[in-house]
Amino acid sequence: MAVRIKLPGGTLKMKVYRELRDRERERRVPVLKMGSLYFIWWSNRQRPSKDERRG
């Protein structure tokens, strides 16, 4: 289960590899790997991709 932390300017997400979306796996958004966890920064200024809009 992903953990989401809303912050000013965006959202910090914490996930394991199998939960990553294509954009996150391809590192089109900032991603930091620590052990088996991935920390992903989704800025409010980024446009959501097609898969993000579907839910």
PDB file of N, CA and C in Angstrom:
ATOM      1  N   MET A   1       0.844  -1.187   0.000  1.00  0.00           N
ATOM      2  CA  MET A   1       0.000   0.000   0.000  1.00  0.00           C
ATOM      3  C   MET A   1       0.884   1.242   0.000  1.00  0.00           C
ATOM      4  N   ALA A   2       0.593   2.154  -0.896  1.00  0.00           N
ATOM      5  CA  ALA A   2       1.364   3.384  -1.011  1.00  0.00           C
ATOM      6  C   ALA A   2       0.999   4.346   0.113  1.00  0.00           C
ATOM      7  N   VAL A   3       2.003   5.088   0.549  1.00  0.00           N
ATOM      8  CA  VAL A   3       1.793   6.128   1.556  1.00  0.00           C
ATOM      9  C   VAL A   3       1.926   7.463   0.839  1.00  0.00           C
ATOM     10  N   ARG A   4       0.943   8.331   1.029  1.00  0.00           N
ATOM     11  CA  ARG A   4       0.956   9.651   0.393  1.00  0.00           C
ATOM     12  C   ARG A   4       0.988  10.730   1.469  1.00  0.00           C
ATOM     13  N   ILE A   5       1.903  11.672   1.300  1.00  0.00           N
ATOM     14  CA  ILE A   5       2.009  12.793   2.230  1.00  0.00           C
ATOM     15  C   ILE A   5       1.844  14.072   1.421  1.00  0.00           C
ATOM     16  N   LYS A   6       0.736  14.766   1.647  1.00  0.00           N
ATOM     17  CA  LYS A   6       0.483  16.024   0.950  1.00  0.00           C
ATOM     18  C   LYS A   6       1.359  17.108   1.568  1.00  0.00           C
ATOM     19  N   LEU A   7       2.098  17.804   0.727  1.00  0.00           N
ATOM     20  CA  LEU A   7       2.980  18.884   1.156  1.00  0.00           C
ATOM     21  C   LEU A   7       2.719  20.108   0.287  1.00  0.00           C
ATOM     22  N   PRO A   8       3.114  21.287   0.762  1.00  0.00           N
ATOM     23  CA  PRO A   8       2.970  22.463  -0.097  1.00  0.00           C
ATOM     24  C   PRO A   8       3.770  22.249  -1.380  1.00  0.00           C
ATOM     25  N   GLY A   9       3.130  22.371  -2.502  1.00  0.00           N
ATOM     26  CA  GLY A   9       3.807  22.226  -3.781  1.00  0.00           C
ATOM     27  C   GLY A   9       3.704  20.850  -4.403  1.00  0.00           C
ATOM     28  N   GLY A  10       3.192  19.862  -3.675  1.00  0.00           N
ATOM     29  CA  GLY A  10       3.080  18.537  -4.271  1.00  0.00           C
ATOM     30  C   GLY A  10       2.811  17.439  -3.257  1.00  0.00           C
ATOM     31  N   THR A  11       3.032  16.208  -3.692  1.00  0.00           N
ATOM     32  CA  THR A  11       2.782  15.030  -2.868  1.00  0.00           C
ATOM     33  C   THR A  11       4.009  14.135  -2.872  1.00  0.00           C
ATOM     34  N   LEU A  12       4.422  13.695  -1.694  1.00  0.00           N
ATOM     35  CA  LEU A  12       5.501  12.722  -1.559  1.00  0.00           C
ATOM     36  C   LEU A  12       4.861  11.356  -1.374  1.00  0.00           C
ATOM     37  N   LYS A  13       5.232  10.405  -2.223  1.00  0.00           N
ATOM     38  CA  LYS A  13       4.657   9.063  -2.147  1.00  0.00           C
ATOM     39  C   LYS A  13       5.761   8.062  -1.808  1.00  0.00           C
ATOM     40  N   MET A  14       5.407   7.053  -1.037  1.00  0.00           N
ATOM     41  CA  MET A  14       6.318   5.985  -0.659  1.00  0.00           C
ATOM     42  C   MET A  14       5.689   4.678  -1.122  1.00  0.00           C
ATOM     43  N   LYS A  15       6.404   3.922  -1.976  1.00  0.00           N
ATOM     44  CA  LYS A  15       5.849   2.706  -2.563  1.00  0.00           C
ATOM     45  C   LYS A  15       6.913   1.625  -2.656  1.00  0.00           C
ATOM     46  N   VAL A  16       6.464   0.388  -2.888  1.00  0.00           N
ATOM     47  CA  VAL A  16       7.366  -0.697  -3.269  1.00  0.00           C
ATOM     48  C   VAL A  16       7.309  -0.817  -4.790  1.00  0.00           C
ATOM     49  N   TYR A  17       8.279  -1.536  -5.380  1.00  0.00           N
ATOM     50  CA  TYR A  17       8.422  -1.556  -6.835  1.00  0.00           C
ATOM     51  C   TYR A  17       7.149  -1.971  -7.561  1.00  0.00           C
ATOM     52  N   ARG A  18       6.474  -2.989  -7.083  1.00  0.00           N
ATOM     53  CA  ARG A  18       5.299  -3.490  -7.811  1.00  0.00           C
ATOM     54  C   ARG A  18       4.155  -2.488  -7.865  1.00  0.00           C
ATOM     55  N   GLU A  19       4.187  -1.457  -7.003  1.00  0.00           N
ATOM     56  CA  GLU A  19       3.134  -0.437  -6.991  1.00  0.00           C
ATOM     57  C   GLU A  19       3.457   0.756  -7.887  1.00  0.00           C
ATOM     58  N   LEU A  20       4.666   0.819  -8.437  1.00  0.00           N
ATOM     59  CA  LEU A  20       5.059   1.966  -9.239  1.00  0.00           C
ATOM     60  C   LEU A  20       4.310   2.014 -10.557  1.00  0.00           C
ATOM     61  N   ARG A  21       3.970   3.223 -10.986  1.00  0.00           N
ATOM     62  CA  ARG A  21       3.357   3.429 -12.300  1.00  0.00           C
ATOM     63  C   ARG A  21       4.468   3.532 -13.345  1.00  0.00           C
ATOM     64  N   ASP A  22       4.097   3.471 -14.609  1.00  0.00           N
ATOM     65  CA  ASP A  22       5.080   3.536 -15.692  1.00  0.00           C
ATOM     66  C   ASP A  22       5.935   4.797 -15.608  1.00  0.00           C
ATOM     67  N   ARG A  23       5.311   5.939 -15.373  1.00  0.00           N
ATOM     68  CA  ARG A  23       6.068   7.197 -15.291  1.00  0.00           C
ATOM     69  C   ARG A  23       7.090   7.155 -14.174  1.00  0.00           C
ATOM     70  N   GLU A  24       6.749   6.487 -13.077  1.00  0.00           N
ATOM     71  CA  GLU A  24       7.660   6.390 -11.943  1.00  0.00           C
ATOM     72  C   GLU A  24       8.786   5.406 -12.248  1.00  0.00           C
ATOM     73  N   ARG A  25       8.474   4.281 -12.871  1.00  0.00           N
ATOM     74  CA  ARG A  25       9.500   3.295 -13.238  1.00  0.00           C
ATOM     75  C   ARG A  25      10.476   3.857 -14.255  1.00  0.00           C
ATOM     76  N   GLU A  26       9.973   4.675 -15.174  1.00  0.00           N
ATOM     77  CA  GLU A  26      10.813   5.275 -16.208  1.00  0.00           C
ATOM     78  C   GLU A  26      11.498   6.549 -15.727  1.00  0.00           C
ATOM     79  N   ARG A  27      11.289   6.892 -14.457  1.00  0.00           N
ATOM     80  CA  ARG A  27      11.924   8.054 -13.804  1.00  0.00           C
ATOM     81  C   ARG A  27      11.597   9.379 -14.501  1.00  0.00           C
ATOM     82  N   ARG A  28      10.357   9.501 -15.000  1.00  0.00           N
ATOM     83  CA  ARG A  28       9.923  10.774 -15.583  1.00  0.00           C
ATOM     84  C   ARG A  28       9.481  11.744 -14.498  1.00  0.00           C
ATOM     85  N   VAL A  29       9.410  11.262 -13.273  1.00  0.00           N
ATOM     86  CA  VAL A  29       9.186  12.092 -12.091  1.00  0.00           C
ATOM     87  C   VAL A  29      10.343  11.776 -11.136  1.00  0.00           C
ATOM     88  N   PRO A  30      10.684  12.687 -10.221  1.00  0.00           N
ATOM     89  CA  PRO A  30      11.794  12.416  -9.304  1.00  0.00           C
ATOM     90  C   PRO A  30      11.521  11.203  -8.411  1.00  0.00           C
ATOM     91  N   VAL A  31      12.468  10.231  -8.429  1.00  0.00           N
ATOM     92  CA  VAL A  31      12.345   8.998  -7.660  1.00  0.00           C
ATOM     93  C   VAL A  31      13.651   8.750  -6.912  1.00  0.00           C
ATOM     94  N   LEU A  32      13.537   8.387  -5.632  1.00  0.00           N
ATOM     95  CA  LEU A  32      14.691   8.023  -4.818  1.00  0.00           C
ATOM     96  C   LEU A  32      14.437   6.646  -4.237  1.00  0.00           C
ATOM     97  N   LYS A  33      15.386   5.726  -4.450  1.00  0.00           N
ATOM     98  CA  LYS A  33      15.239   4.371  -3.917  1.00  0.00           C
ATOM     99  C   LYS A  33      16.087   4.246  -2.657  1.00  0.00           C
ATOM    100  N   MET A  34      15.450   3.774  -1.581  1.00  0.00           N
ATOM    101  CA  MET A  34      16.152   3.515  -0.327  1.00  0.00           C
ATOM    102  C   MET A  34      15.749   2.115   0.125  1.00  0.00           C
ATOM    103  N   GLY A  35      16.674   1.164  -0.001  1.00  0.00           N
ATOM    104  CA  GLY A  35      16.339  -0.221   0.318  1.00  0.00           C
ATOM    105  C   GLY A  35      15.307  -0.724  -0.669  1.00  0.00           C
ATOM    106  N   SER A  36      14.193  -1.233  -0.164  1.00  0.00           N
ATOM    107  CA  SER A  36      13.135  -1.734  -1.047  1.00  0.00           C
ATOM    108  C   SER A  36      12.026  -0.709  -1.250  1.00  0.00           C
ATOM    109  N   LEU A  37      12.180   0.496  -0.700  1.00  0.00           N
ATOM    110  CA  LEU A  37      11.162   1.547  -0.829  1.00  0.00           C
ATOM    111  C   LEU A  37      11.566   2.576  -1.870  1.00  0.00           C
ATOM    112  N   TYR A  38      10.569   3.083  -2.564  1.00  0.00           N
ATOM    113  CA  TYR A  38      10.766   4.142  -3.547  1.00  0.00           C
ATOM    114  C   TYR A  38      10.028   5.377  -3.059  1.00  0.00           C
ATOM    115  N   PHE A  39      10.726   6.513  -3.044  1.00  0.00           N
ATOM    116  CA  PHE A  39      10.129   7.790  -2.668  1.00  0.00           C
ATOM    117  C   PHE A  39       9.952   8.583  -3.953  1.00  0.00           C
ATOM    118  N   ILE A  40       8.717   8.982  -4.229  1.00  0.00           N
ATOM    119  CA  ILE A  40       8.371   9.646  -5.482  1.00  0.00           C
ATOM    120  C   ILE A  40       7.795  11.017  -5.174  1.00  0.00           C
ATOM    121  N   TRP A  41       8.261  12.037  -5.890  1.00  0.00           N
ATOM    122  CA  TRP A  41       7.747  13.392  -5.714  1.00  0.00           C
ATOM    123  C   TRP A  41       6.875  13.757  -6.902  1.00  0.00           C
ATOM    124  N   TRP A  42       5.599  14.012  -6.621  1.00  0.00           N
ATOM    125  CA  TRP A  42       4.661  14.474  -7.637  1.00  0.00           C
ATOM    126  C   TRP A  42       4.360  15.945  -7.354  1.00  0.00           C
ATOM    127  N   SER A  43       4.888  16.819  -8.200  1.00  0.00           N
ATOM    128  CA  SER A  43       4.676  18.250  -8.046  1.00  0.00           C
ATOM    129  C   SER A  43       3.264  18.625  -8.487  1.00  0.00           C
ATOM    130  N   ASN A  44       2.686  19.620  -7.834  1.00  0.00           N
ATOM    131  CA  ASN A  44       1.374  20.122  -8.247  1.00  0.00           C
ATOM    132  C   ASN A  44       1.440  20.784  -9.623  1.00  0.00           C
ATOM    133  N   ARG A  45       2.625  21.166 -10.054  1.00  0.00           N
ATOM    134  CA  ARG A  45       2.784  21.834 -11.345  1.00  0.00           C
ATOM    135  C   ARG A  45       2.810  20.865 -12.512  1.00  0.00           C
ATOM    136  N   GLN A  46       3.013  19.583 -12.256  1.00  0.00           N
ATOM    137  CA  GLN A  46       3.044  18.589 -13.331  1.00  0.00           C
ATOM    138  C   GLN A  46       1.636  18.273 -13.790  1.00  0.00           C
ATOM    139  N   ARG A  47       1.514  18.002 -15.084  1.00  0.00           N
ATOM    140  CA  ARG A  47       0.228  17.557 -15.615  1.00  0.00           C
ATOM    141  C   ARG A  47       0.110  16.066 -15.409  1.00  0.00           C
ATOM    142  N   PRO A  48      -1.035  15.581 -14.959  1.00  0.00           N
ATOM    143  CA  PRO A  48      -1.193  14.130 -14.841  1.00  0.00           C
ATOM    144  C   PRO A  48      -1.215  13.478 -16.224  1.00  0.00           C
ATOM    145  N   SER A  49      -0.643  12.303 -16.335  1.00  0.00           N
ATOM    146  CA  SER A  49      -0.655  11.578 -17.609  1.00  0.00           C
ATOM    147  C   SER A  49      -2.023  10.919 -17.798  1.00  0.00           C
ATOM    148  N   LYS A  50      -2.232  10.274 -18.927  1.00  0.00           N
ATOM    149  CA  LYS A  50      -3.505   9.621 -19.216  1.00  0.00           C
ATOM    150  C   LYS A  50      -3.857   8.584 -18.162  1.00  0.00           C
ATOM    151  N   ASP A  51      -2.860   7.783 -17.729  1.00  0.00           N
ATOM    152  CA  ASP A  51      -3.138   6.752 -16.725  1.00  0.00           C
ATOM    153  C   ASP A  51      -3.466   7.358 -15.363  1.00  0.00           C
ATOM    154  N   GLU A  52      -2.960   8.551 -15.055  1.00  0.00           N
ATOM    155  CA  GLU A  52      -3.267   9.227 -13.794  1.00  0.00           C
ATOM    156  C   GLU A  52      -4.721   9.712 -13.798  1.00  0.00           C
ATOM    157  N   ARG A  53      -5.198  10.185 -14.955  1.00  0.00           N
ATOM    158  CA  ARG A  53      -6.568  10.718 -15.024  1.00  0.00           C
ATOM    159  C   ARG A  53      -7.618   9.617 -14.922  1.00  0.00           C
ATOM    160  N   ARG A  54      -7.261   8.395 -15.346  1.00  0.00           N
ATOM    161  CA  ARG A  54      -8.209   7.291 -15.283  1.00  0.00           C
ATOM    162  C   ARG A  54      -8.481   6.854 -13.858  1.00  0.00           C
ATOM    163  N   GLY A  55      -7.514   7.079 -12.968  1.00  0.00           N
ATOM    164  CA  GLY A  55      -7.720   6.708 -11.574  1.00  0.00           C
ATOM    165  C   GLY A  55      -6.954   5.533 -11.257  1.00  0.00           C
TER     166      GLY A  55
END
